[in-house]
Amino acid sequence: MARSNTPSIGASIGRRLKIMSVSHQLPWSALELRQPEIPWDDLRSLAAAAVESADVRQKLMDRLEPFLDTSKVDDEIDRTDLAFLTIPAIFALAAERLDESGRRESAAFLIHALYCAGKESNDWLLEALEHTAGRFGPALVEPALMLLKKYGSKMESWSYICSLLEVAKDADEQTKQSVLEFCRGYIQSAPDRFEQWSSIDPPVWVLRGLDDKESLPLLREIQDQAQTGDLQEAIDILEEKPEALADRPIPYWEEPVEKWLPRDVEHLRRRLAEPEEEDGADDALETNYDEEAEAYVPSATRRFRSTGADTIIREFPRIGRNEPCPCGSGKKYKKCCGS
């Protein structure tokens, strides 16, 4: 019996050594994006290796960790190191080729990364992770629900993680029902917490994405009080109004890596090329923003006024995150003053 096991053990060790050898030969330096052009061949080589090797996936995860908790980093992170964009891109390139175990492992890590990126207020990383995580489909529902139930909308990355639950459309019926119950339950609690109406948008997007027509009475009831752009959009889509269906939003994760990565890299490099603000300038800008928001963004600082009774009336309709920003920048609200 011992002899019959020897070849398989030897073969396993051999494969392990081969993988380690291949890992050392991989173009790891390409992660930093030091060259003007994106090294697609190198990124695809890393993605192919990640499909084959849990060790490579772990190395990618370890490489991303310093960006997820900068308090644990001894030296200041190099601002020109763009690995926090390329690593999510590599996982996105690998997603559809991973086996079930690899998908679950990677999905759990990406949800963890989203949570940490929210605490770090790293919007660039949050966007990249949202683009990527959805490609792992139903595998991310369990870790996402666990975090959402534990922290709720107090979590900085609430909208990113919650909106990803739309991938439950490809899950089994039990998983889909768990997501529907969570989203309906959260929305039902909103009328008792007027200041948190904006937090219902992500579960509303999920119900819209899952084509949950059973939630229409609930959504109409909330909309009578909330008057939000995103909520009305969801109602129109679930009611199958032609104009709304024609403009139905496409989930972030359906955008090809080859499209979002170059765009984000270009925007970030342009931002990095700008002169750094002097100490205290950021606080001043934030103060100025609040004053300006009072003037033109109803949802920012003066969302409600009181009638002196128990009724709370919204002075203006809330701006949906996918609507143009009222400041005139040409960007969507979520990418501008609503970020």
Protein backbone atom coordinates (compact mmCIF):
# COMPACT_ATOMS: atom_id res chain seq x y z
CA MET A 1 0.00 0.00 0.00
CA ALA A 2 2.83 2.40 0.89
CA ARG A 3 4.40 1.88 -2.54
CA SER A 4 1.17 2.67 -4.36
CA ASN A 5 0.95 6.07 -2.58
CA THR A 6 4.53 7.04 -3.31
CA PRO A 7 4.07 8.08 -6.96
CA SER A 8 1.05 10.29 -6.20
CA ILE A 9 2.88 11.99 -3.31
CA GLY A 10 5.92 12.49 -5.51
CA ALA A 11 3.79 13.84 -8.33
CA SER A 12 2.05 16.26 -5.96
CA ILE A 13 5.37 17.55 -4.65
CA GLY A 14 6.62 17.88 -8.19
CA ARG A 15 3.61 19.92 -9.24
CA ARG A 16 4.05 22.13 -6.18
CA LEU A 17 7.69 22.78 -6.99
CA LYS A 18 6.83 23.51 -10.61
CA ILE A 19 4.18 26.02 -9.55
CA MET A 20 6.62 27.72 -7.18
CA SER A 21 9.17 27.91 -9.98
CA VAL A 22 6.62 29.39 -12.37
CA SER A 23 5.50 31.88 -9.69
CA HIS A 24 9.02 33.27 -9.39
CA GLN A 25 9.14 33.75 -13.16
CA LEU A 26 5.87 35.68 -13.35
CA PRO A 27 5.96 39.41 -14.26
CA TRP A 28 5.12 40.68 -10.76
CA SER A 29 6.64 44.09 -11.43
CA ALA A 30 3.89 44.71 -14.00
CA LEU A 31 1.45 45.18 -11.13
CA GLU A 32 2.85 48.64 -10.37
CA LEU A 33 2.11 50.05 -13.85
CA ARG A 34 5.35 52.01 -14.11
CA GLN A 35 5.13 52.19 -17.91
CA PRO A 36 2.72 54.46 -19.82
CA GLU A 37 0.94 51.56 -21.49
CA ILE A 38 -0.96 48.87 -19.61
CA PRO A 39 0.99 45.56 -19.94
CA TRP A 40 -1.99 43.41 -20.89
CA ASP A 41 0.09 40.35 -21.78
CA ASP A 42 1.71 40.38 -18.33
CA LEU A 43 -1.61 40.87 -16.54
CA ARG A 44 -3.15 38.00 -18.50
CA SER A 45 -0.16 35.79 -17.64
CA LEU A 46 -0.70 36.54 -13.97
CA ALA A 47 -4.43 35.83 -14.34
CA ALA A 48 -3.73 32.47 -16.01
CA ALA A 49 -1.33 31.57 -13.21
CA ALA A 50 -3.93 32.58 -10.62
CA VAL A 51 -6.40 30.18 -12.21
CA GLU A 52 -3.94 27.31 -11.84
CA SER A 53 -2.39 28.13 -8.48
CA ALA A 54 -3.82 28.99 -5.06
CA ASP A 55 -0.30 30.16 -4.16
CA VAL A 56 -0.38 32.79 -6.88
CA ARG A 57 -3.83 33.94 -5.75
CA GLN A 58 -2.55 34.22 -2.19
CA LYS A 59 0.45 36.22 -3.33
CA LEU A 60 -1.87 38.63 -5.13
CA MET A 61 -4.00 38.95 -1.99
CA ASP A 62 -0.93 39.58 0.15
CA ARG A 63 0.26 42.21 -2.31
CA LEU A 64 -3.05 44.06 -1.99
CA GLU A 65 -3.19 43.97 1.83
CA PRO A 66 -1.03 47.11 2.46
CA PHE A 67 -3.62 49.16 0.56
CA LEU A 68 -6.40 47.74 2.74
CA ASP A 69 -4.96 48.84 6.07
CA THR A 70 -2.35 51.55 5.73
CA SER A 71 -2.01 51.80 9.53
CA LYS A 72 -0.06 48.55 9.49
CA VAL A 73 2.43 49.77 6.89
CA ASP A 74 5.72 51.05 8.31
CA ASP A 75 6.66 53.15 5.29
CA GLU A 76 4.39 55.45 3.35
CA ILE A 77 2.83 53.71 0.37
CA ASP A 78 4.26 54.76 -2.99
CA ARG A 79 1.58 56.93 -4.60
CA THR A 80 2.68 55.80 -8.06
CA ASP A 81 2.25 52.08 -7.26
CA LEU A 82 -1.05 51.23 -8.96
CA ALA A 83 -1.17 47.58 -7.91
CA PHE A 84 -4.46 48.29 -6.14
CA LEU A 85 -6.00 48.68 -9.60
CA THR A 86 -4.18 45.89 -11.43
CA ILE A 87 -4.78 43.18 -8.80
CA PRO A 88 -8.59 43.49 -8.96
CA ALA A 89 -8.23 43.51 -12.76
CA ILE A 90 -6.29 40.23 -12.63
CA PHE A 91 -8.97 38.62 -10.47
CA ALA A 92 -11.58 39.84 -12.95
CA LEU A 93 -9.64 38.28 -15.83
CA ALA A 94 -9.37 34.99 -13.93
CA ALA A 95 -12.90 34.82 -12.47
CA GLU A 96 -14.72 32.77 -15.09
CA ARG A 97 -11.93 30.17 -15.33
CA LEU A 98 -11.58 29.44 -11.62
CA ASP A 99 -13.00 26.26 -10.15
CA GLU A 100 -15.72 26.49 -7.48
CA SER A 101 -13.25 26.41 -4.60
CA GLY A 102 -11.14 29.14 -6.15
CA ARG A 103 -14.21 31.27 -6.85
CA ARG A 104 -15.43 31.04 -3.26
CA GLU A 105 -12.00 31.77 -1.82
CA SER A 106 -11.52 34.77 -4.12
CA ALA A 107 -15.06 36.08 -3.59
CA ALA A 108 -14.63 36.02 0.20
CA PHE A 109 -11.35 37.93 -0.12
CA LEU A 110 -12.87 40.55 -2.44
CA ILE A 111 -15.74 41.20 -0.02
CA HIS A 112 -13.19 41.55 2.79
CA ALA A 113 -11.20 43.94 0.58
CA LEU A 114 -14.30 46.05 -0.11
CA TYR A 115 -14.97 46.34 3.60
CA CYS A 116 -11.38 47.44 4.29
CA ALA A 117 -11.23 49.82 1.31
CA GLY A 118 -14.33 51.53 2.67
CA LYS A 119 -12.64 52.08 6.02
CA GLU A 120 -9.63 53.50 4.17
CA SER A 121 -11.92 55.72 2.04
CA ASN A 122 -10.05 54.53 -1.05
CA ASP A 123 -12.64 55.29 -3.71
CA TRP A 124 -10.40 54.14 -6.57
CA LEU A 125 -9.97 50.72 -4.98
CA LEU A 126 -13.67 50.50 -4.10
CA GLU A 127 -14.61 51.09 -7.73
CA ALA A 128 -12.09 48.54 -9.00
CA LEU A 129 -13.25 45.92 -6.49
CA GLU A 130 -16.91 46.47 -7.39
CA HIS A 131 -16.06 46.02 -11.06
CA THR A 132 -14.35 42.74 -10.15
CA ALA A 133 -16.35 41.14 -7.34
CA GLY A 134 -19.58 40.83 -9.30
CA ARG A 135 -17.84 38.54 -11.78
CA PHE A 136 -17.70 35.88 -9.06
CA GLY A 137 -21.47 35.57 -9.09
CA PRO A 138 -23.39 33.73 -6.36
CA ALA A 139 -20.12 32.78 -4.62
CA LEU A 140 -19.98 36.23 -3.05
CA VAL A 141 -23.55 36.28 -1.68
CA GLU A 142 -22.80 34.44 1.57
CA PRO A 143 -19.79 36.55 2.70
CA ALA A 144 -21.55 39.73 1.54
CA LEU A 145 -24.74 39.00 3.49
CA MET A 146 -22.71 38.14 6.57
CA LEU A 147 -21.04 41.58 6.56
CA LEU A 148 -24.20 43.46 5.66
CA LYS A 149 -26.18 41.87 8.47
CA LYS A 150 -23.39 42.52 10.96
CA TYR A 151 -22.64 46.18 10.16
CA GLY A 152 -25.60 47.42 8.11
CA SER A 153 -25.49 50.83 6.49
CA LYS A 154 -22.98 52.07 9.09
CA MET A 155 -20.38 50.26 7.03
CA GLU A 156 -18.50 52.70 4.78
CA SER A 157 -18.71 50.32 1.83
CA TRP A 158 -22.42 49.59 2.38
CA SER A 159 -23.58 50.69 -1.07
CA TYR A 160 -20.80 48.81 -2.88
CA ILE A 161 -21.30 45.49 -1.09
CA CYS A 162 -25.09 45.65 -0.94
CA SER A 163 -25.49 46.42 -4.65
CA LEU A 164 -23.42 43.32 -5.46
CA LEU A 165 -26.25 41.14 -4.13
CA GLU A 166 -27.82 41.51 -7.56
CA VAL A 167 -25.65 38.54 -8.62
CA ALA A 168 -28.18 36.38 -6.76
CA LYS A 169 -30.16 36.33 -10.01
CA ASP A 170 -27.89 33.43 -11.03
CA ALA A 171 -28.09 31.70 -7.63
CA ASP A 172 -30.33 28.88 -6.44
CA GLU A 173 -33.82 29.78 -5.24
CA GLN A 174 -32.94 29.59 -1.55
CA THR A 175 -30.03 32.00 -1.92
CA LYS A 176 -32.14 34.36 -4.02
CA GLN A 177 -34.90 34.36 -1.40
CA SER A 178 -32.37 35.14 1.34
CA VAL A 179 -31.26 38.20 -0.62
CA LEU A 180 -34.83 39.34 -1.32
CA GLU A 181 -35.78 39.00 2.35
CA PHE A 182 -32.74 40.98 3.44
CA CYS A 183 -33.39 43.82 0.98
CA ARG A 184 -37.13 44.03 1.69
CA GLY A 185 -36.48 43.95 5.41
CA TYR A 186 -34.00 46.80 5.26
CA ILE A 187 -36.29 48.94 3.09
CA GLN A 188 -39.25 48.33 5.39
CA SER A 189 -37.26 49.76 8.29
CA ALA A 190 -36.45 53.00 6.43
CA PRO A 191 -39.62 55.07 7.11
CA ASP A 192 -38.80 55.06 10.83
CA ARG A 193 -35.34 56.49 10.16
CA PHE A 194 -35.83 59.43 7.81
CA GLU A 195 -32.18 60.45 7.87
CA GLN A 196 -31.22 57.10 6.35
CA TRP A 197 -33.48 57.13 3.32
CA SER A 198 -30.45 57.47 1.06
CA SER A 199 -29.22 54.10 2.34
CA ILE A 200 -32.20 52.28 0.86
CA ASP A 201 -30.95 52.88 -2.68
CA PRO A 202 -28.61 49.83 -2.81
CA PRO A 203 -31.27 47.29 -1.72
CA VAL A 204 -33.68 48.98 -4.13
CA TRP A 205 -31.16 48.46 -6.95
CA VAL A 206 -30.95 44.79 -5.99
CA LEU A 207 -34.73 44.30 -6.05
CA ARG A 208 -34.78 46.02 -9.42
CA GLY A 209 -31.99 43.80 -10.73
CA LEU A 210 -33.72 40.65 -9.46
CA ASP A 211 -36.97 41.75 -11.15
CA ASP A 212 -38.82 41.46 -7.84
CA LYS A 213 -42.28 42.68 -8.79
CA GLU A 214 -43.63 41.47 -5.46
CA SER A 215 -41.84 44.40 -3.82
CA LEU A 216 -43.69 47.01 -5.91
CA PRO A 217 -46.35 47.86 -3.25
CA LEU A 218 -43.59 48.39 -0.69
CA LEU A 219 -41.52 50.55 -3.04
CA ARG A 220 -44.52 52.69 -4.01
CA GLU A 221 -45.33 53.25 -0.35
CA ILE A 222 -41.79 54.36 0.42
CA GLN A 223 -41.60 56.55 -2.68
CA ASP A 224 -44.67 58.51 -1.57
CA GLN A 225 -42.54 59.75 1.34
CA ALA A 226 -38.97 59.55 0.06
CA GLN A 227 -39.29 60.91 -3.49
CA THR A 228 -35.90 59.61 -4.63
CA GLY A 229 -34.76 59.41 -8.23
CA ASP A 230 -33.32 55.90 -7.91
CA LEU A 231 -36.46 54.57 -6.24
CA GLN A 232 -38.72 55.94 -8.96
CA GLU A 233 -36.39 54.50 -11.59
CA ALA A 234 -36.66 51.06 -9.97
CA ILE A 235 -40.46 51.30 -9.83
CA ASP A 236 -40.65 52.28 -13.50
CA ILE A 237 -38.42 49.35 -14.48
CA LEU A 238 -40.39 46.84 -12.42
CA GLU A 239 -43.58 48.22 -13.96
CA GLU A 240 -41.92 47.58 -17.34
CA LYS A 241 -42.32 51.11 -18.63
CA PRO A 242 -40.62 51.16 -22.07
CA GLU A 243 -38.58 54.32 -21.48
CA ALA A 244 -37.24 53.02 -18.18
CA LEU A 245 -36.39 49.62 -19.64
CA ALA A 246 -34.50 51.27 -22.48
CA ASP A 247 -32.31 53.12 -19.96
CA ARG A 248 -31.95 50.21 -17.56
CA PRO A 249 -28.56 50.47 -15.81
CA ILE A 250 -25.92 47.85 -16.54
CA PRO A 251 -24.18 46.38 -13.46
CA TYR A 252 -20.64 47.65 -12.97
CA TRP A 253 -19.14 44.19 -13.16
CA GLU A 254 -20.45 43.62 -16.67
CA GLU A 255 -18.13 46.32 -17.99
CA PRO A 256 -15.05 44.65 -19.55
CA VAL A 257 -11.75 44.97 -17.72
CA GLU A 258 -10.21 46.26 -20.94
CA LYS A 259 -12.53 49.27 -20.69
CA TRP A 260 -12.60 50.24 -17.01
CA LEU A 261 -8.95 49.66 -16.12
CA PRO A 262 -7.46 52.05 -18.75
CA ARG A 263 -10.07 54.67 -17.86
CA ASP A 264 -9.37 54.47 -14.12
CA VAL A 265 -5.62 54.46 -14.65
CA GLU A 266 -5.81 57.53 -16.86
CA HIS A 267 -7.99 59.41 -14.39
CA LEU A 268 -5.83 58.45 -11.42
CA ARG A 269 -2.58 59.38 -13.13
CA ARG A 270 -4.05 62.74 -14.02
CA ARG A 271 -5.05 63.20 -10.39
CA LEU A 272 -1.60 62.19 -9.15
CA ALA A 273 0.01 64.67 -11.50
CA GLU A 274 -1.80 67.55 -9.80
CA PRO A 275 0.13 69.48 -7.12
CA GLU A 276 -0.47 68.20 -3.60
CA GLU A 277 -2.56 70.47 -1.38
CA GLU A 278 -0.89 72.19 1.55
CA ASP A 279 -1.65 70.98 5.08
CA GLY A 280 -5.17 71.91 6.05
CA ALA A 281 -6.26 72.58 2.47
CA ASP A 282 -8.33 69.43 2.29
CA ASP A 283 -10.29 70.48 5.38
CA ALA A 284 -10.88 73.89 3.87
CA LEU A 285 -12.12 72.36 0.66
CA GLU A 286 -14.44 70.10 2.60
CA THR A 287 -15.86 73.11 4.45
CA ASN A 288 -16.37 74.97 1.19
CA TYR A 289 -18.06 71.95 -0.32
CA ASP A 290 -20.54 71.80 2.56
CA GLU A 291 -21.43 75.46 2.11
CA GLU A 292 -21.91 75.04 -1.62
CA ALA A 293 -23.86 71.83 -1.13
CA GLU A 294 -26.30 73.77 1.05
CA ALA A 295 -27.00 75.94 -1.97
CA TYR A 296 -27.42 73.42 -4.74
CA VAL A 297 -27.55 69.84 -3.45
CA PRO A 298 -30.80 69.28 -1.56
CA SER A 299 -29.80 65.80 -0.39
CA ALA A 300 -26.49 66.89 1.11
CA THR A 301 -27.33 69.00 4.15
CA ARG A 302 -30.97 70.08 4.10
CA ARG A 303 -32.83 67.02 2.97
CA PHE A 304 -35.89 67.53 5.14
CA ARG A 305 -37.84 70.28 6.81
CA SER A 306 -40.23 69.79 9.68
CA THR A 307 -43.85 70.95 9.63
CA GLY A 308 -43.90 71.07 13.40
CA ALA A 309 -45.83 67.81 13.48
CA ASP A 310 -44.71 64.23 13.05
CA THR A 311 -44.70 64.55 9.27
CA ILE A 312 -41.37 65.08 7.57
CA ILE A 313 -41.49 66.65 4.12
CA ARG A 314 -38.64 66.59 1.65
CA GLU A 315 -38.06 70.05 0.18
CA PHE A 316 -36.64 68.67 -3.07
CA PRO A 317 -36.50 65.24 -4.69
CA ARG A 318 -33.33 63.36 -3.75
CA ILE A 319 -30.73 63.06 -6.48
CA GLY A 320 -30.20 59.50 -7.70
CA ARG A 321 -26.60 58.35 -7.71
CA ASN A 322 -26.73 57.69 -11.46
CA GLU A 323 -28.20 61.11 -12.27
CA PRO A 324 -26.06 64.02 -13.53
CA CYS A 325 -24.48 66.00 -10.68
CA PRO A 326 -26.25 69.36 -10.20
CA CYS A 327 -22.90 71.15 -9.86
CA GLY A 328 -22.58 71.03 -13.65
CA SER A 329 -19.42 68.93 -13.82
CA GLY A 330 -20.96 66.54 -16.34
CA LYS A 331 -20.23 63.58 -14.05
CA LYS A 332 -22.78 61.32 -12.42
CA TYR A 333 -23.73 62.43 -8.91
CA LYS A 334 -22.13 59.31 -7.35
CA LYS A 335 -18.82 60.18 -9.02
CA CYS A 336 -18.91 63.82 -7.99
CA CYS A 337 -20.58 65.63 -5.08
CA GLY A 338 -22.40 62.50 -3.95
CA SER A 339 -19.24 60.45 -3.50
